[in-house]
Amino acid sequence: MKKNKLFPKLFLILISCFLFMSCQEVSKHKTLQLAHGLDPTHPVHNAMVYMAQELDKISEGQMKLEIYPSGQLGSEQQCVELLQLGSLAITKVSAAVMEGFTNNYQVLGLPYVLRSKSHSFKVLDGPIGEELLASTEKFNLKGLCFYDAGARSFYTLNKSIEKPEDLDGLKIRVMKSQTAMSLVKAMGGSPTPISWGELYTALQSGVVDGAENNPPSFYTSHHYEVCKYYSLNEHTRVPDVLIISTVIWNKLNDQQKEWLHAAAKKSVIEERKLWAASEEESIKKLLENGVKINYPNKDQFAGRVQEMLDAYQEQPVLYELIQRIQATKD
């Protein structure tokens, strides 16, 4: 009887020892979870897969990245909240989402501040980009890198947008961003915030007359099935941001941080190649599916929003940041 009474205690002790030894072994290898809402065919997802491969290679298997695409672990907002709690390591968001944490991110959503793809890369790869990535750490969110998300342009149901006046009176879907709303309003449209997942139905039912996004997003969302006009005015170049929970980051040792940074930087180079190829393929597919694509004069649109930019003189910190970006050479 005594032996029987002792057995459960001995069993628990043995199991505890086993788990402790297992934890000691696991502690030598670090695995981070990355979740996002993109489809596995998306170029940004493929760049993350590349990052995971590079991290495994650089660390010689001592650090790994597990990726959960397609909203498996929640919406974009839910993933950000999980990061803040330290329950999830990494996620991808649009830079527009980061405006909710620091005003400085607003500049990346301002029209025609980032003049071209090359200009955008110079800004994001330089001191300004580094400052922005670090600016949300007090909210438990640290930026790792920026991914190219192309240029956003207008696509509509019933007519081509050749000049800003063509937007007058049109209800245009925008992200839940004050900057995006101000931009569409300045151009004459009626900004209508709608979640990405609900947009197809909103377009199909005529709740909105159009939206704005980059070519790959326009194509992969199947919005071209209802919107047959795409005007490449390229009003903004809002990048994506790969962010990590500072709760998780602060638990990494210096070597692990170095490995992660190195893998992230390599993934940026790969992502830009993947994105460029995706843009080219998307334009081709849109044309094959009957979308009429036009290339309006961007100067007309830039002139329509100049007052919007000038208004930032009342916010010295942001206006100085705008000037620094505009002074950066392509």
Protein backbone atom coordinates (compact mmCIF):
# COMPACT_ATOMS: atom_id res chain seq x y z
CA MET A 1 0.00 0.00 0.00
CA LYS A 2 2.80 2.36 0.84
CA LYS A 3 4.39 1.70 -2.51
CA ASN A 4 1.07 2.41 -4.24
CA LYS A 5 0.71 5.72 -2.43
CA LEU A 6 4.26 6.71 -3.35
CA PHE A 7 3.89 5.80 -7.01
CA PRO A 8 1.84 8.85 -8.10
CA LYS A 9 4.32 11.19 -6.42
CA LEU A 10 7.30 9.45 -8.01
CA PHE A 11 5.55 9.53 -11.38
CA LEU A 12 4.94 13.28 -11.09
CA ILE A 13 8.55 13.85 -10.10
CA LEU A 14 9.79 11.83 -13.08
CA ILE A 15 7.47 13.68 -15.48
CA SER A 16 8.57 17.02 -14.03
CA CYS A 17 12.20 16.07 -14.50
CA PHE A 18 11.50 14.97 -18.07
CA LEU A 19 9.70 18.24 -18.88
CA PHE A 20 12.51 20.23 -17.28
CA MET A 21 15.11 18.38 -19.35
CA SER A 22 12.96 18.88 -22.47
CA CYS A 23 12.70 22.58 -21.75
CA GLN A 24 16.43 22.78 -21.30
CA GLU A 25 16.88 21.13 -24.70
CA VAL A 26 14.22 23.34 -26.37
CA SER A 27 15.80 26.46 -24.87
CA LYS A 28 18.79 25.90 -27.14
CA HIS A 29 16.48 26.35 -30.12
CA LYS A 30 14.17 29.33 -30.50
CA THR A 31 10.96 29.16 -32.53
CA LEU A 32 8.94 32.29 -33.27
CA GLN A 33 5.37 32.37 -34.58
CA LEU A 34 4.46 34.77 -37.40
CA ALA A 35 0.80 35.25 -38.33
CA HIS A 36 -0.81 37.40 -41.01
CA GLY A 37 -3.95 37.67 -43.15
CA LEU A 38 -2.48 37.26 -46.63
CA ASP A 39 -3.06 34.38 -49.02
CA PRO A 40 -0.16 31.89 -49.33
CA THR A 41 0.24 32.91 -53.00
CA HIS A 42 0.89 36.55 -52.06
CA PRO A 43 4.46 37.83 -52.70
CA VAL A 44 4.74 39.19 -49.15
CA HIS A 45 3.89 35.77 -47.73
CA ASN A 46 6.50 34.18 -50.00
CA ALA A 47 9.04 36.71 -48.74
CA MET A 48 8.25 35.61 -45.20
CA VAL A 49 8.79 31.99 -46.20
CA TYR A 50 12.15 33.06 -47.62
CA MET A 51 12.91 34.82 -44.33
CA ALA A 52 12.15 31.62 -42.41
CA GLN A 53 14.50 29.66 -44.66
CA GLU A 54 17.26 32.25 -44.25
CA LEU A 55 16.80 32.36 -40.47
CA ASP A 56 17.15 28.59 -40.29
CA LYS A 57 20.26 28.76 -42.49
CA ILE A 58 21.94 31.69 -40.72
CA SER A 59 21.33 30.24 -37.26
CA GLU A 60 22.27 26.72 -38.36
CA GLY A 61 18.90 25.46 -37.21
CA GLN A 62 19.02 27.15 -33.80
CA MET A 63 16.25 29.64 -34.64
CA LYS A 64 13.10 28.98 -36.62
CA LEU A 65 10.03 30.81 -37.86
CA GLU A 66 6.58 29.22 -38.01
CA ILE A 67 4.21 31.06 -40.38
CA TYR A 68 0.40 31.09 -40.12
CA PRO A 69 -1.15 32.82 -43.18
CA SER A 70 -4.76 33.60 -44.18
CA GLY A 71 -5.85 34.92 -40.80
CA GLN A 72 -5.45 31.55 -39.06
CA LEU A 73 -4.62 33.24 -35.76
CA GLY A 74 -6.97 36.19 -36.15
CA SER A 75 -7.51 39.43 -38.00
CA GLU A 76 -4.81 42.05 -38.51
CA GLN A 77 -6.02 43.95 -35.44
CA GLN A 78 -6.19 40.80 -33.34
CA CYS A 79 -2.63 39.85 -34.34
CA VAL A 80 -1.38 43.28 -33.31
CA GLU A 81 -3.11 42.90 -29.94
CA LEU A 82 -1.53 39.45 -29.50
CA LEU A 83 1.86 41.02 -30.16
CA GLN A 84 1.27 43.66 -27.51
CA LEU A 85 0.43 40.91 -25.02
CA GLY A 86 3.46 38.87 -26.03
CA SER A 87 1.27 35.93 -27.11
CA LEU A 88 2.43 36.18 -30.74
CA ALA A 89 5.90 37.11 -31.96
CA ILE A 90 5.54 38.69 -35.41
CA THR A 91 2.90 39.97 -37.81
CA LYS A 92 2.60 42.09 -40.94
CA VAL A 93 0.52 45.26 -41.11
CA SER A 94 0.12 48.16 -43.48
CA ALA A 95 2.04 51.25 -42.43
CA ALA A 96 -1.37 52.99 -42.34
CA VAL A 97 -2.30 50.85 -39.32
CA MET A 98 0.74 52.14 -37.45
CA GLU A 99 -0.69 55.66 -37.54
CA GLY A 100 -2.81 54.56 -34.60
CA PHE A 101 0.34 54.37 -32.48
CA THR A 102 2.44 57.29 -33.71
CA ASN A 103 1.62 60.29 -35.88
CA ASN A 104 4.95 60.05 -37.69
CA TYR A 105 3.69 57.11 -39.74
CA GLN A 106 1.19 59.47 -41.36
CA VAL A 107 3.85 60.76 -43.73
CA LEU A 108 4.07 57.40 -45.53
CA GLY A 109 0.41 57.69 -46.44
CA LEU A 110 0.56 61.24 -47.76
CA PRO A 111 -0.01 61.63 -51.51
CA TYR A 112 3.04 61.98 -53.75
CA VAL A 113 5.48 62.47 -50.84
CA LEU A 114 7.17 59.24 -51.93
CA ARG A 115 7.77 60.13 -55.57
CA SER A 116 8.72 56.78 -57.05
CA LYS A 117 9.67 53.22 -56.22
CA SER A 118 13.39 54.08 -56.04
CA HIS A 119 12.70 57.15 -53.88
CA SER A 120 10.56 55.05 -51.54
CA PHE A 121 13.35 52.49 -51.10
CA LYS A 122 15.93 55.20 -50.35
CA VAL A 123 13.70 56.66 -47.63
CA LEU A 124 12.69 53.36 -46.04
CA ASP A 125 16.21 51.88 -46.13
CA GLY A 126 17.76 54.99 -44.59
CA PRO A 127 17.68 56.88 -41.26
CA ILE A 128 14.03 57.93 -41.67
CA GLY A 129 12.95 54.32 -42.06
CA GLU A 130 14.95 53.26 -39.00
CA GLU A 131 13.38 56.03 -36.92
CA LEU A 132 9.89 54.96 -37.92
CA LEU A 133 10.54 51.28 -37.17
CA ALA A 134 11.68 52.18 -33.66
CA SER A 135 8.95 54.74 -32.98
CA THR A 136 6.33 52.28 -31.68
CA GLU A 137 8.43 50.39 -29.13
CA LYS A 138 6.65 52.06 -26.21
CA PHE A 139 3.52 50.27 -27.44
CA ASN A 140 5.29 46.88 -27.31
CA LEU A 141 5.70 46.88 -31.10
CA LYS A 142 9.07 47.03 -32.84
CA GLY A 143 9.45 47.33 -36.59
CA LEU A 144 11.80 44.83 -38.22
CA CYS A 145 11.61 45.97 -41.84
CA PHE A 146 9.47 47.48 -44.57
CA TYR A 147 8.08 45.47 -47.47
CA ASP A 148 7.17 47.00 -50.81
CA ALA A 149 3.39 47.18 -51.24
CA GLY A 150 3.47 49.05 -54.53
CA ALA A 151 1.58 52.19 -55.41
CA ARG A 152 -2.10 52.62 -54.68
CA SER A 153 -4.37 53.75 -57.51
CA PHE A 154 -8.12 54.06 -58.09
CA TYR A 155 -10.32 51.33 -59.55
CA THR A 156 -14.00 51.96 -60.20
CA LEU A 157 -17.24 50.33 -61.29
CA ASN A 158 -18.62 52.52 -64.05
CA LYS A 159 -16.10 55.04 -65.33
CA SER A 160 -12.40 55.70 -65.81
CA ILE A 161 -10.68 58.25 -63.57
CA GLU A 162 -8.75 60.46 -66.01
CA LYS A 163 -8.53 63.56 -63.78
CA PRO A 164 -9.33 64.41 -60.13
CA GLU A 165 -12.70 65.89 -61.10
CA ASP A 166 -13.83 62.41 -62.18
CA LEU A 167 -13.82 61.44 -58.49
CA ASP A 168 -16.34 64.12 -57.55
CA GLY A 169 -19.28 62.53 -55.76
CA LEU A 170 -17.93 58.97 -55.95
CA LYS A 171 -17.93 56.83 -52.81
CA ILE A 172 -14.42 55.38 -52.57
CA ARG A 173 -13.51 52.67 -50.10
CA VAL A 174 -10.49 53.53 -47.93
CA MET A 175 -8.61 51.87 -45.08
CA LYS A 176 -9.53 52.97 -41.58
CA SER A 177 -6.91 55.70 -41.72
CA GLN A 178 -7.52 59.41 -41.23
CA THR A 179 -4.80 60.18 -43.77
CA ALA A 180 -6.42 57.96 -46.42
CA MET A 181 -9.79 59.58 -45.77
CA SER A 182 -8.34 63.09 -46.05
CA LEU A 183 -6.60 62.16 -49.31
CA VAL A 184 -9.76 60.94 -51.07
CA LYS A 185 -11.72 63.90 -49.74
CA ALA A 186 -9.08 66.35 -51.03
CA MET A 187 -9.36 64.78 -54.48
CA GLY A 188 -13.13 65.23 -54.51
CA GLY A 189 -14.29 61.74 -53.60
CA SER A 190 -16.37 60.59 -50.64
CA PRO A 191 -14.14 58.36 -48.45
CA THR A 192 -15.91 55.30 -47.06
CA PRO A 193 -14.03 53.08 -44.57
CA ILE A 194 -14.85 49.41 -45.14
CA SER A 195 -12.92 46.34 -44.04
CA TRP A 196 -11.00 44.51 -46.77
CA GLY A 197 -12.98 41.32 -46.27
CA GLU A 198 -16.29 43.09 -46.87
CA LEU A 199 -15.18 45.15 -49.87
CA TYR A 200 -16.08 42.72 -52.68
CA THR A 201 -19.70 42.62 -51.55
CA ALA A 202 -19.75 46.40 -51.06
CA LEU A 203 -18.54 46.91 -54.64
CA GLN A 204 -20.91 44.30 -56.05
CA SER A 205 -23.92 45.83 -54.31
CA GLY A 206 -22.95 49.42 -55.13
CA VAL A 207 -22.41 50.49 -51.52
CA VAL A 208 -19.22 52.10 -52.86
CA ASP A 209 -18.33 53.17 -56.41
CA GLY A 210 -14.72 52.11 -56.23
CA ALA A 211 -11.62 51.61 -54.14
CA GLU A 212 -7.87 52.15 -54.32
CA ASN A 213 -5.05 49.67 -54.10
CA ASN A 214 -2.02 48.18 -55.85
CA PRO A 215 -2.26 45.85 -58.90
CA PRO A 216 -1.59 42.53 -57.09
CA SER A 217 -4.22 43.29 -54.43
CA PHE A 218 -6.74 44.38 -57.08
CA TYR A 219 -6.19 41.14 -59.00
CA THR A 220 -5.93 38.59 -56.15
CA SER A 221 -9.04 40.04 -54.44
CA HIS A 222 -11.06 39.40 -57.63
CA HIS A 223 -12.37 42.96 -57.43
CA TYR A 224 -11.72 43.16 -61.17
CA GLU A 225 -14.81 40.98 -61.62
CA VAL A 226 -16.96 44.00 -60.75
CA CYS A 227 -14.60 46.96 -61.31
CA LYS A 228 -13.56 47.27 -64.94
CA TYR A 229 -11.66 50.56 -64.76
CA TYR A 230 -8.18 50.99 -63.26
CA SER A 231 -6.48 54.39 -63.28
CA LEU A 232 -2.79 54.17 -62.38
CA ASN A 233 -2.40 57.62 -60.84
CA GLU A 234 -0.23 56.09 -58.05
CA HIS A 235 -1.19 58.58 -55.36
CA THR A 236 0.52 56.81 -52.45
CA ARG A 237 3.17 54.18 -51.82
CA VAL A 238 2.18 52.90 -48.39
CA PRO A 239 4.54 50.06 -47.46
CA ASP A 240 3.87 47.04 -45.31
CA VAL A 241 5.67 46.74 -41.98
CA LEU A 242 6.91 43.55 -40.36
CA ILE A 243 6.61 44.07 -36.60
CA ILE A 244 7.69 42.02 -33.60
CA SER A 245 6.44 42.07 -30.03
CA THR A 246 8.97 43.80 -27.77
CA VAL A 247 7.86 41.33 -25.07
CA ILE A 248 9.32 38.59 -27.28
CA TRP A 249 12.20 40.69 -28.65
CA ASN A 250 13.51 41.54 -25.18
CA LYS A 251 13.71 37.83 -24.34
CA LEU A 252 16.03 37.16 -27.29
CA ASN A 253 19.77 37.21 -26.72
CA ASP A 254 22.04 39.44 -28.83
CA GLN A 255 22.93 36.60 -31.20
CA GLN A 256 19.29 35.73 -31.82
CA LYS A 257 18.44 39.39 -32.47
CA GLU A 258 21.30 39.59 -34.96
CA TRP A 259 20.11 36.46 -36.77
CA LEU A 260 16.55 37.76 -36.98
CA HIS A 261 17.62 41.17 -38.27
CA ALA A 262 19.86 39.58 -40.90
CA ALA A 263 17.08 37.27 -42.12
CA ALA A 264 14.60 40.16 -42.25
CA LYS A 265 16.96 42.32 -44.33
CA LYS A 266 17.53 39.48 -46.79
CA SER A 267 13.79 38.96 -47.09
CA VAL A 268 13.33 42.63 -48.02
CA ILE A 269 15.55 42.17 -51.10
CA GLU A 270 13.68 39.00 -52.07
CA GLU A 271 10.28 40.58 -51.47
CA ARG A 272 11.03 43.47 -53.83
CA LYS A 273 11.88 41.04 -56.61
CA LEU A 274 8.75 39.00 -55.94
CA TRP A 275 6.60 42.12 -55.79
CA ALA A 276 7.90 43.51 -59.08
CA ALA A 277 7.16 40.20 -60.81
CA SER A 278 3.72 40.07 -59.20
CA GLU A 279 2.87 43.60 -60.36
CA GLU A 280 3.81 42.77 -63.93
CA GLU A 281 1.82 39.54 -63.91
CA SER A 282 -1.20 41.22 -62.26
CA ILE A 283 -1.38 43.98 -64.88
CA LYS A 284 -1.25 41.30 -67.60
CA LYS A 285 -4.05 39.29 -65.95
CA LEU A 286 -6.22 42.37 -65.40
CA LEU A 287 -6.01 43.26 -69.08
CA GLU A 288 -6.86 39.67 -70.05
CA ASN A 289 -9.96 39.92 -67.87
CA GLY A 290 -11.26 43.02 -69.61
CA VAL A 291 -10.10 45.73 -67.23
CA LYS A 292 -9.44 49.06 -68.97
CA ILE A 293 -6.19 50.49 -67.61
CA ASN A 294 -5.23 54.11 -68.11
CA TYR A 295 -2.25 56.22 -67.04
CA PRO A 296 -3.52 59.70 -66.10
CA ASN A 297 -1.32 62.77 -65.61
CA LYS A 298 -0.15 62.51 -61.99
CA ASP A 299 0.60 66.24 -61.76
CA GLN A 300 -3.13 66.99 -61.86
CA PHE A 301 -3.76 64.76 -58.86
CA ALA A 302 -0.69 66.04 -56.99
CA GLY A 303 -1.91 69.62 -57.46
CA ARG A 304 -5.32 68.74 -56.04
CA VAL A 305 -3.79 67.59 -52.72
CA GLN A 306 -1.10 70.26 -52.28
CA GLU A 307 -3.21 72.13 -49.72
CA MET A 308 -3.43 68.93 -47.72
CA LEU A 309 0.37 68.80 -47.51
CA ASP A 310 0.71 72.52 -46.79
CA ALA A 311 -1.63 72.14 -43.81
CA TYR A 312 1.06 70.10 -42.06
CA GLN A 313 3.03 73.29 -41.48
CA GLU A 314 0.88 73.60 -38.37
CA GLN A 315 2.47 70.37 -37.13
CA PRO A 316 6.21 71.19 -37.11
CA VAL A 317 7.47 67.68 -36.31
CA LEU A 318 5.53 66.05 -39.15
CA TYR A 319 6.24 68.88 -41.58
CA GLU A 320 9.98 68.58 -40.93
CA LEU A 321 9.71 64.84 -41.59
CA ILE A 322 7.89 65.53 -44.87
CA GLN A 323 10.65 67.94 -45.90
CA ARG A 324 13.35 65.39 -45.04
CA ILE A 325 11.62 62.79 -47.19
CA GLN A 326 11.18 65.18 -50.10
CA ALA A 327 14.85 66.18 -49.83
CA THR A 328 15.98 62.54 -50.10
CA LYS A 329 17.34 61.92 -53.58
CA ASP A 330 16.05 59.05 -55.69
